[in-house]
Protein backbone atom coordinates (compact mmCIF):
# COMPACT_ATOMS: atom_id res chain seq x y z
CA MET A 1 79.03 -40.52 -53.93
CA ILE A 2 80.35 -39.14 -50.92
CA MET A 3 79.90 -35.69 -52.19
CA ASP A 4 76.46 -35.84 -53.61
CA ALA A 5 73.62 -33.47 -52.79
CA THR A 6 72.27 -35.53 -49.93
CA PHE A 7 75.60 -35.41 -48.22
CA TRP A 8 75.78 -31.64 -48.54
CA ALA A 9 72.17 -31.32 -47.35
CA LEU A 10 73.11 -33.33 -44.28
CA ILE A 11 76.18 -31.16 -43.69
CA GLY A 12 74.07 -28.03 -44.12
CA LEU A 13 71.50 -29.34 -41.69
CA ILE A 14 74.16 -30.20 -39.08
CA LEU A 15 75.76 -26.78 -39.50
CA PHE A 16 72.37 -25.16 -39.23
CA PHE A 17 71.67 -26.97 -35.97
CA ALA A 18 75.17 -26.14 -34.68
CA LEU A 19 74.66 -22.49 -35.54
CA ILE A 20 71.28 -22.48 -33.80
CA ALA A 21 72.87 -24.11 -30.73
CA TYR A 22 75.82 -21.69 -30.84
CA VAL A 23 73.59 -18.63 -31.01
CA LYS A 24 71.52 -20.17 -28.20
CA VAL A 25 68.27 -19.96 -30.09
CA PRO A 26 66.63 -22.78 -28.05
CA GLY A 27 67.43 -20.87 -24.83
CA LYS A 28 66.04 -17.67 -26.30
CA ILE A 29 62.93 -19.49 -27.50
CA GLY A 30 62.58 -21.09 -24.03
CA SER A 31 63.05 -17.76 -22.25
CA ALA A 32 60.60 -16.11 -24.66
CA LEU A 33 58.11 -18.89 -23.96
CA ASP A 34 58.78 -18.57 -20.21
CA SER A 35 58.26 -14.81 -20.30
CA ARG A 36 55.11 -15.33 -22.35
CA ALA A 37 53.90 -17.92 -19.80
CA ASP A 38 54.71 -15.47 -16.96
CA SER A 39 52.78 -12.73 -18.77
CA ILE A 40 49.79 -15.06 -19.27
CA ARG A 41 50.00 -16.14 -15.60
CA LYS A 42 50.01 -12.47 -14.50
CA ASP A 43 47.04 -11.75 -16.77
CA LEU A 44 45.19 -14.74 -15.31
CA GLU A 45 45.92 -13.59 -11.76
CA GLU A 46 44.75 -10.08 -12.63
CA ALA A 47 41.59 -11.49 -14.23
CA ARG A 48 40.97 -13.69 -11.15
CA ARG A 49 41.48 -10.71 -8.83
CA MET A 50 39.13 -8.55 -10.94
CA ARG A 51 36.57 -11.37 -10.99
CA GLU A 52 36.70 -11.60 -7.18
CA GLU A 53 36.27 -7.82 -6.90
CA ALA A 54 33.34 -7.97 -9.30
CA GLN A 55 31.77 -10.80 -7.27
CA ALA A 56 32.23 -8.77 -4.07
CA LEU A 57 30.67 -5.70 -5.70
CA LEU A 58 27.81 -7.78 -7.07
CA SER A 59 27.06 -9.31 -3.68
CA GLU A 60 27.26 -5.87 -2.03
CA TYR A 61 24.88 -4.36 -4.58
CA GLN A 62 22.49 -7.30 -4.21
CA ARG A 63 22.57 -6.86 -0.43
CA LYS A 64 21.90 -3.12 -0.84
CA ARG A 65 19.08 -3.87 -3.29
CA HIS A 66 17.49 -6.32 -0.86
CA ALA A 67 17.82 -3.77 1.94
CA ALA A 68 16.25 -1.07 -0.26
CA GLU A 69 13.41 -3.42 -1.24
CA ALA A 70 12.80 -4.26 2.42
CA GLU A 71 12.83 -0.56 3.29
CA ALA A 72 10.42 0.19 0.46
CA GLU A 73 8.09 -2.57 1.66
CA ALA A 74 8.28 -1.18 5.19
CA ILE A 75 7.46 2.31 3.90
CA ILE A 76 4.51 0.96 1.90
CA ALA A 77 3.24 -1.00 4.90
CA GLU A 78 3.59 2.06 7.11
CA ALA A 79 1.79 4.20 4.53
CA ASN A 80 -1.04 1.65 4.33
CA THR A 81 -1.30 1.56 8.11
CA GLU A 82 -1.34 5.37 8.23
CA ALA A 83 -3.99 5.50 5.50
CA GLU A 84 -6.16 3.01 7.39
CA ARG A 85 -5.72 4.99 10.61
CA LEU A 86 -6.59 8.26 8.86
CA THR A 87 -9.63 6.63 7.24
CA LEU A 88 -10.79 5.35 10.63
CA GLU A 89 -10.22 8.76 12.26
CA THR A 90 -12.03 10.51 9.41
CA ASN A 91 -14.98 8.12 9.66
CA GLN A 92 -15.14 8.61 13.44
CA ALA A 93 -14.95 12.39 13.06
CA LEU A 94 -17.67 12.26 10.41
CA GLU A 95 -19.90 10.14 12.64
CA GLU A 96 -19.30 12.48 15.57
CA MET A 97 -20.09 15.51 13.40
CA MET A 98 -23.26 13.86 12.12
CA ALA A 99 -24.28 12.98 15.71
CA ARG A 100 -23.63 16.58 16.84
CA ARG A 101 -25.62 18.00 13.93
CA SER A 102 -28.42 15.51 14.53
CA LYS A 103 -28.48 16.42 18.22
CA ALA A 104 -28.42 20.14 17.38
CA ALA A 105 -31.30 19.64 14.94
CA GLU A 106 -33.25 17.69 17.56
CA GLU A 107 -32.59 20.44 20.09
CA LYS A 108 -33.79 23.07 17.60
CA ILE A 109 -36.90 21.01 16.91
CA ALA A 110 -37.56 20.62 20.66
CA GLN A 111 -36.96 24.33 21.17
CA ALA A 112 -39.32 25.15 18.29
CA GLU A 113 -41.95 22.82 19.79
CA THR A 114 -41.55 24.47 23.19
CA GLN A 115 -41.78 27.90 21.62
CA ALA A 116 -44.84 26.90 19.57
CA ILE A 117 -46.53 25.50 22.71
CA ALA A 118 -45.70 28.70 24.59
CA GLU A 119 -47.07 30.81 21.75
CA VAL A 120 -50.25 28.71 21.61
CA ARG A 121 -50.67 29.02 25.41
CA ALA A 122 -50.07 32.76 25.26
CA LYS A 123 -52.57 33.12 22.45
CA ALA A 124 -55.05 30.91 24.33
CA ALA A 125 -54.50 33.00 27.47
CA ASP A 126 -55.05 36.20 25.52
CA VAL A 127 -58.22 34.75 23.97
CA ALA A 128 -59.42 33.47 27.39
CA VAL A 129 -58.69 36.83 29.01
CA ALA A 130 -60.50 38.67 26.25
CA ALA A 131 -63.46 36.28 26.52
CA ALA A 132 -63.52 36.56 30.31
CA GLU A 133 -63.30 40.30 30.05
CA GLN A 134 -66.23 40.46 27.70
CA ILE A 135 -68.33 38.08 29.83
CA LEU A 136 -67.54 39.88 33.07
CA SER A 137 -67.95 43.32 31.62
CA ALA A 138 -71.32 42.33 30.31
CA LYS A 139 -72.52 40.84 33.62
CA VAL A 140 -70.63 42.73 36.34
CA LYS A 141 -70.65 46.55 36.53
CA ASP A 142 -69.07 49.35 38.49
CA LYS A 143 -66.07 49.31 40.80
CA VAL A 144 -66.50 45.69 41.86
CA ALA A 145 -66.43 44.63 38.27
CA ASP A 146 -63.22 46.53 37.66
CA ASP A 147 -61.47 44.91 40.68
CA ILE A 148 -62.70 41.42 39.82
CA LEU A 149 -61.77 41.90 36.22
CA SER A 150 -58.20 43.03 36.89
CA LYS A 151 -57.58 40.27 39.47
CA SER A 152 -59.01 37.60 37.16
CA ILE A 153 -56.93 38.75 34.24
CA ALA A 154 -53.76 38.71 36.32
CA GLN A 155 -54.53 35.20 37.66
CA VAL A 156 -55.30 33.80 34.20
CA LYS A 157 -52.10 35.26 32.78
CA GLU A 158 -50.00 33.81 35.61
CA ARG A 159 -51.51 30.34 35.36
CA LEU A 160 -51.41 30.03 31.59
CA ASN A 161 -47.90 31.43 31.11
């Protein structure tokens, strides 16, 4: 019984383990696992570094975005202020123009009234002179009539105009 199959299986197993120990397979497996762990550690460090860079870039872009939004709001506020100022200036200019035109129209109306009054007076003077001339020429004759007539006409013209 010493030499049965179990015995030889045990011998084979012991020899197998001895061969594995002789060839230093556990050391190679350990060094392979250590190198794999080092590689994973390096990858993790690289991933951590890249994550930190990405976070820095993200915060920088967010800061730039906030700055751009603030600048855009400032531009919009300035444009609104400028639009309000231009509207106010335009309204003032329009009111001034309307006041000038109204004043010019009033001046033209006053000038037309003055001219109409002057024309009416001149016409009235001409009619009065003609009437006086007819009355005097009918009642006064000769040289005296001519002198009186010319003096009267001159006086009437001066006083009415």
